[in-house]
């Protein structure tokens, strides 16, 4: 959807560059990219809410 260099933050929905993501986290064999540490912290509080099949395709 966004090409190999772009990702969507699963918490806020912002499109970000994988190279300049503020944080990343590996979960269920998928790397998630975040625009900020705050979004990564929110993800950690409820991973299954944000780690949807649709989010893993982005």
PDB file of N, CA and C in Angstrom:
ATOM      1  N   UNK A   1       0.809  -1.193   0.000  1.00  0.00           N
ATOM      2  CA  UNK A   1       0.000   0.000   0.000  1.00  0.00           C
ATOM      3  C   UNK A   1       0.857   1.264   0.000  1.00  0.00           C
ATOM      4  N   UNK A   2       1.891   1.309   0.849  1.00  0.00           N
ATOM      5  CA  UNK A   2       2.712   2.500   0.956  1.00  0.00           C
ATOM      6  C   UNK A   2       4.112   2.290   0.397  1.00  0.00           C
ATOM      7  N   UNK A   3       4.348   1.171  -0.214  1.00  0.00           N
ATOM      8  CA  UNK A   3       5.685   0.892  -0.700  1.00  0.00           C
ATOM      9  C   UNK A   3       6.544   0.309   0.402  1.00  0.00           C
ATOM     10  N   UNK A   4       7.735  -0.104   0.028  1.00  0.00           N
ATOM     11  CA  UNK A   4       8.617  -0.778   0.967  1.00  0.00           C
ATOM     12  C   UNK A   4       9.213   0.146   2.024  1.00  0.00           C
ATOM     13  N   UNK A   5       9.267   1.434   1.760  1.00  0.00           N
ATOM     14  CA  UNK A   5       9.928   2.367   2.676  1.00  0.00           C
ATOM     15  C   UNK A   5       8.958   3.085   3.604  1.00  0.00           C
ATOM     16  N   UNK A   6       7.659   2.906   3.412  1.00  0.00           N
ATOM     17  CA  UNK A   6       6.674   3.610   4.216  1.00  0.00           C
ATOM     18  C   UNK A   6       5.846   2.617   5.036  1.00  0.00           C
ATOM     19  N   UNK A   7       5.334   3.097   6.167  1.00  0.00           N
ATOM     20  CA  UNK A   7       4.494   2.281   7.038  1.00  0.00           C
ATOM     21  C   UNK A   7       3.436   3.179   7.662  1.00  0.00           C
ATOM     22  N   UNK A   8       2.411   2.565   8.209  1.00  0.00           N
ATOM     23  CA  UNK A   8       1.379   3.316   8.919  1.00  0.00           C
ATOM     24  C   UNK A   8       1.450   2.957  10.396  1.00  0.00           C
ATOM     25  N   UNK A   9       1.524   3.986  11.224  1.00  0.00           N
ATOM     26  CA  UNK A   9       1.518   3.800  12.674  1.00  0.00           C
ATOM     27  C   UNK A   9       0.162   3.176  13.025  1.00  0.00           C
ATOM     28  N   UNK A  10       0.150   1.996  13.664  1.00  0.00           N
ATOM     29  CA  UNK A  10      -1.126   1.327  13.940  1.00  0.00           C
ATOM     30  C   UNK A  10      -1.969   2.023  15.008  1.00  0.00           C
ATOM     31  N   UNK A  11      -1.381   2.917  15.763  1.00  0.00           N
ATOM     32  CA  UNK A  11      -2.108   3.602  16.833  1.00  0.00           C
ATOM     33  C   UNK A  11      -2.798   4.862  16.303  1.00  0.00           C
ATOM     34  N   UNK A  12      -2.042   5.759  15.692  1.00  0.00           N
ATOM     35  CA  UNK A  12      -2.608   7.040  15.256  1.00  0.00           C
ATOM     36  C   UNK A  12      -2.950   7.086  13.773  1.00  0.00           C
ATOM     37  N   UNK A  13      -2.412   6.126  12.995  1.00  0.00           N
ATOM     38  CA  UNK A  13      -2.717   6.078  11.561  1.00  0.00           C
ATOM     39  C   UNK A  13      -1.805   6.925  10.692  1.00  0.00           C
ATOM     40  N   UNK A  14      -0.838   7.599  11.270  1.00  0.00           N
ATOM     41  CA  UNK A  14       0.069   8.450  10.503  1.00  0.00           C
ATOM     42  C   UNK A  14       0.956   7.603   9.584  1.00  0.00           C
ATOM     43  N   UNK A  15       1.153   8.053   8.370  1.00  0.00           N
ATOM     44  CA  UNK A  15       2.077   7.406   7.452  1.00  0.00           C
ATOM     45  C   UNK A  15       3.471   7.962   7.727  1.00  0.00           C
ATOM     46  N   UNK A  16       4.407   7.050   7.935  1.00  0.00           N
ATOM     47  CA  UNK A  16       5.769   7.447   8.292  1.00  0.00           C
ATOM     48  C   UNK A  16       6.780   6.638   7.491  1.00  0.00           C
ATOM     49  N   UNK A  17       7.978   7.170   7.397  1.00  0.00           N
ATOM     50  CA  UNK A  17       9.078   6.461   6.763  1.00  0.00           C
ATOM     51  C   UNK A  17       9.605   5.406   7.726  1.00  0.00           C
ATOM     52  N   UNK A  18       9.809   4.203   7.245  1.00  0.00           N
ATOM     53  CA  UNK A  18      10.382   3.155   8.082  1.00  0.00           C
ATOM     54  C   UNK A  18      11.779   3.545   8.555  1.00  0.00           C
ATOM     55  N   UNK A  19      12.505   4.275   7.728  1.00  0.00           N
ATOM     56  CA  UNK A  19      13.881   4.667   8.058  1.00  0.00           C
ATOM     57  C   UNK A  19      13.946   5.692   9.188  1.00  0.00           C
ATOM     58  N   UNK A  20      12.908   6.493   9.343  1.00  0.00           N
ATOM     59  CA  UNK A  20      12.966   7.546  10.358  1.00  0.00           C
ATOM     60  C   UNK A  20      11.908   7.379  11.454  1.00  0.00           C
ATOM     61  N   UNK A  21      11.342   6.186  11.568  1.00  0.00           N
ATOM     62  CA  UNK A  21      10.335   5.935  12.599  1.00  0.00           C
ATOM     63  C   UNK A  21      10.927   6.198  13.984  1.00  0.00           C
ATOM     64  N   UNK A  22      10.139   6.813  14.852  1.00  0.00           N
ATOM     65  CA  UNK A  22      10.606   7.127  16.205  1.00  0.00           C
ATOM     66  C   UNK A  22      10.787   5.874  17.046  1.00  0.00           C
ATOM     67  N   UNK A  23      10.016   4.823  16.724  1.00  0.00           N
ATOM     68  CA  UNK A  23      10.108   3.571  17.477  1.00  0.00           C
ATOM     69  C   UNK A  23       9.605   2.431  16.606  1.00  0.00           C
ATOM     70  N   UNK A  24      10.061   1.226  16.915  1.00  0.00           N
ATOM     71  CA  UNK A  24       9.574   0.020  16.243  1.00  0.00           C
ATOM     72  C   UNK A  24       9.343  -1.048  17.300  1.00  0.00           C
ATOM     73  N   UNK A  25       8.523  -2.009  16.942  1.00  0.00           N
ATOM     74  CA  UNK A  25       8.303  -3.138  17.840  1.00  0.00           C
ATOM     75  C   UNK A  25       7.918  -4.357  17.019  1.00  0.00           C
ATOM     76  N   UNK A  26       8.522  -5.477  17.356  1.00  0.00           N
ATOM     77  CA  UNK A  26       8.216  -6.745  16.705  1.00  0.00           C
ATOM     78  C   UNK A  26       7.142  -7.452  17.529  1.00  0.00           C
ATOM     79  N   UNK A  27       6.067  -7.873  16.870  1.00  0.00           N
ATOM     80  CA  UNK A  27       4.970  -8.565  17.540  1.00  0.00           C
ATOM     81  C   UNK A  27       4.291  -9.466  16.528  1.00  0.00           C
ATOM     82  N   UNK A  28       4.071 -10.708  16.887  1.00  0.00           N
ATOM     83  CA  UNK A  28       3.450 -11.700  16.000  1.00  0.00           C
ATOM     84  C   UNK A  28       4.166 -11.763  14.653  1.00  0.00           C
ATOM     85  N   UNK A  29       5.493 -11.828  14.704  1.00  0.00           N
ATOM     86  CA  UNK A  29       6.341 -11.930  13.501  1.00  0.00           C
ATOM     87  C   UNK A  29       6.168 -10.768  12.531  1.00  0.00           C
ATOM     88  N   UNK A  30       5.765  -9.622  13.027  1.00  0.00           N
ATOM     89  CA  UNK A  30       5.596  -8.429  12.194  1.00  0.00           C
ATOM     90  C   UNK A  30       6.251  -7.249  12.905  1.00  0.00           C
ATOM     91  N   UNK A  31       6.922  -6.405  12.149  1.00  0.00           N
ATOM     92  CA  UNK A  31       7.501  -5.203  12.728  1.00  0.00           C
ATOM     93  C   UNK A  31       6.522  -4.051  12.534  1.00  0.00           C
ATOM     94  N   UNK A  32       6.181  -3.408  13.638  1.00  0.00           N
ATOM     95  CA  UNK A  32       5.309  -2.242  13.617  1.00  0.00           C
ATOM     96  C   UNK A  32       6.174  -0.997  13.774  1.00  0.00           C
ATOM     97  N   UNK A  33       5.806   0.059  13.084  1.00  0.00           N
ATOM     98  CA  UNK A  33       6.552   1.316  13.091  1.00  0.00           C
ATOM     99  C   UNK A  33       5.673   2.402  13.703  1.00  0.00           C
ATOM    100  N   UNK A  34       6.297   3.271  14.508  1.00  0.00           N
ATOM    101  CA  UNK A  34       5.550   4.278  15.244  1.00  0.00           C
ATOM    102  C   UNK A  34       6.118   5.670  15.007  1.00  0.00           C
ATOM    103  N   UNK A  35       5.221   6.656  14.977  1.00  0.00           N
ATOM    104  CA  UNK A  35       5.639   8.044  14.771  1.00  0.00           C
ATOM    105  C   UNK A  35       6.248   8.636  16.025  1.00  0.00           C
ATOM    106  N   UNK A  36       5.915   8.050  17.186  1.00  0.00           N
ATOM    107  CA  UNK A  36       6.424   8.572  18.453  1.00  0.00           C
ATOM    108  C   UNK A  36       6.519   7.452  19.479  1.00  0.00           C
ATOM    109  N   UNK A  37       7.279   7.721  20.515  1.00  0.00           N
ATOM    110  CA  UNK A  37       7.382   6.772  21.614  1.00  0.00           C
ATOM    111  C   UNK A  37       6.029   6.635  22.317  1.00  0.00           C
ATOM    112  N   UNK A  38       5.251   7.712  22.347  1.00  0.00           N
ATOM    113  CA  UNK A  38       3.927   7.674  22.979  1.00  0.00           C
ATOM    114  C   UNK A  38       3.006   6.684  22.265  1.00  0.00           C
ATOM    115  N   UNK A  39       3.058   6.633  20.950  1.00  0.00           N
ATOM    116  CA  UNK A  39       2.239   5.673  20.205  1.00  0.00           C
ATOM    117  C   UNK A  39       2.703   4.242  20.481  1.00  0.00           C
ATOM    118  N   UNK A  40       4.011   4.037  20.576  1.00  0.00           N
ATOM    119  CA  UNK A  40       4.508   2.699  20.884  1.00  0.00           C
ATOM    120  C   UNK A  40       4.055   2.272  22.285  1.00  0.00           C
ATOM    121  N   UNK A  41       4.069   3.194  23.226  1.00  0.00           N
ATOM    122  CA  UNK A  41       3.624   2.884  24.579  1.00  0.00           C
ATOM    123  C   UNK A  41       2.131   2.534  24.595  1.00  0.00           C
ATOM    124  N   UNK A  42       1.341   3.253  23.807  1.00  0.00           N
ATOM    125  CA  UNK A  42      -0.090   2.955  23.715  1.00  0.00           C
ATOM    126  C   UNK A  42      -0.296   1.566  23.103  1.00  0.00           C
ATOM    127  N   UNK A  43       0.484   1.229  22.094  1.00  0.00           N
ATOM    128  CA  UNK A  43       0.442  -0.085  21.464  1.00  0.00           C
ATOM    129  C   UNK A  43       0.726  -1.174  22.505  1.00  0.00           C
ATOM    130  N   UNK A  44       1.739  -0.957  23.337  1.00  0.00           N
ATOM    131  CA  UNK A  44       2.116  -1.939  24.360  1.00  0.00           C
ATOM    132  C   UNK A  44       0.999  -2.201  25.362  1.00  0.00           C
ATOM    133  N   UNK A  45       0.167  -1.219  25.606  1.00  0.00           N
ATOM    134  CA  UNK A  45      -0.927  -1.371  26.572  1.00  0.00           C
ATOM    135  C   UNK A  45      -2.021  -2.301  26.080  1.00  0.00           C
ATOM    136  N   UNK A  46      -2.174  -2.418  24.741  1.00  0.00           N
ATOM    137  CA  UNK A  46      -3.246  -3.252  24.180  1.00  0.00           C
ATOM    138  C   UNK A  46      -2.856  -3.707  22.770  1.00  0.00           C
ATOM    139  N   UNK A  47      -1.856  -4.555  22.697  1.00  0.00           N
ATOM    140  CA  UNK A  47      -1.315  -4.991  21.404  1.00  0.00           C
ATOM    141  C   UNK A  47      -2.358  -5.598  20.483  1.00  0.00           C
ATOM    142  N   UNK A  48      -3.219  -6.446  21.016  1.00  0.00           N
ATOM    143  CA  UNK A  48      -4.188  -7.117  20.149  1.00  0.00           C
ATOM    144  C   UNK A  48      -5.214  -6.157  19.552  1.00  0.00           C
ATOM    145  N   UNK A  49      -5.440  -5.034  20.199  1.00  0.00           N
ATOM    146  CA  UNK A  49      -6.354  -4.020  19.648  1.00  0.00           C
ATOM    147  C   UNK A  49      -5.744  -3.417  18.372  1.00  0.00           C
ATOM    148  N   UNK A  50      -4.440  -3.193  18.377  1.00  0.00           N
ATOM    149  CA  UNK A  50      -3.768  -2.502  17.270  1.00  0.00           C
ATOM    150  C   UNK A  50      -3.124  -3.447  16.255  1.00  0.00           C
ATOM    151  N   UNK A  51      -2.801  -4.667  16.652  1.00  0.00           N
ATOM    152  CA  UNK A  51      -2.119  -5.614  15.761  1.00  0.00           C
ATOM    153  C   UNK A  51      -3.143  -6.434  14.989  1.00  0.00           C
ATOM    154  N   UNK A  52      -3.974  -5.746  14.245  1.00  0.00           N
ATOM    155  CA  UNK A  52      -5.015  -6.395  13.451  1.00  0.00           C
ATOM    156  C   UNK A  52      -4.419  -6.905  12.139  1.00  0.00           C
ATOM    157  N   UNK A  53      -5.094  -7.838  11.484  1.00  0.00           N
ATOM    158  CA  UNK A  53      -4.605  -8.289  10.177  1.00  0.00           C
ATOM    159  C   UNK A  53      -4.414  -7.129   9.196  1.00  0.00           C
ATOM    160  N   UNK A  54      -5.307  -6.149   9.213  1.00  0.00           N
ATOM    161  CA  UNK A  54      -5.174  -4.998   8.320  1.00  0.00           C
ATOM    162  C   UNK A  54      -3.914  -4.199   8.646  1.00  0.00           C
ATOM    163  N   UNK A  55      -3.616  -4.010   9.927  1.00  0.00           N
ATOM    164  CA  UNK A  55      -2.430  -3.264  10.329  1.00  0.00           C
ATOM    165  C   UNK A  55      -1.163  -3.982   9.915  1.00  0.00           C
ATOM    166  N   UNK A  56      -1.198  -5.312   9.897  1.00  0.00           N
ATOM    167  CA  UNK A  56      -0.018  -6.094   9.521  1.00  0.00           C
ATOM    168  C   UNK A  56       0.241  -6.052   8.026  1.00  0.00           C
ATOM    169  N   UNK A  57      -0.729  -5.637   7.237  1.00  0.00           N
ATOM    170  CA  UNK A  57      -0.551  -5.548   5.786  1.00  0.00           C
ATOM    171  C   UNK A  57       0.037  -4.212   5.374  1.00  0.00           C
ATOM    172  N   UNK A  58       0.118  -3.259   6.284  1.00  0.00           N
ATOM    173  CA  UNK A  58       0.598  -1.909   5.953  1.00  0.00           C
ATOM    174  C   UNK A  58       2.072  -1.786   6.197  1.00  0.00           C
TER     175      UNK A  58
END
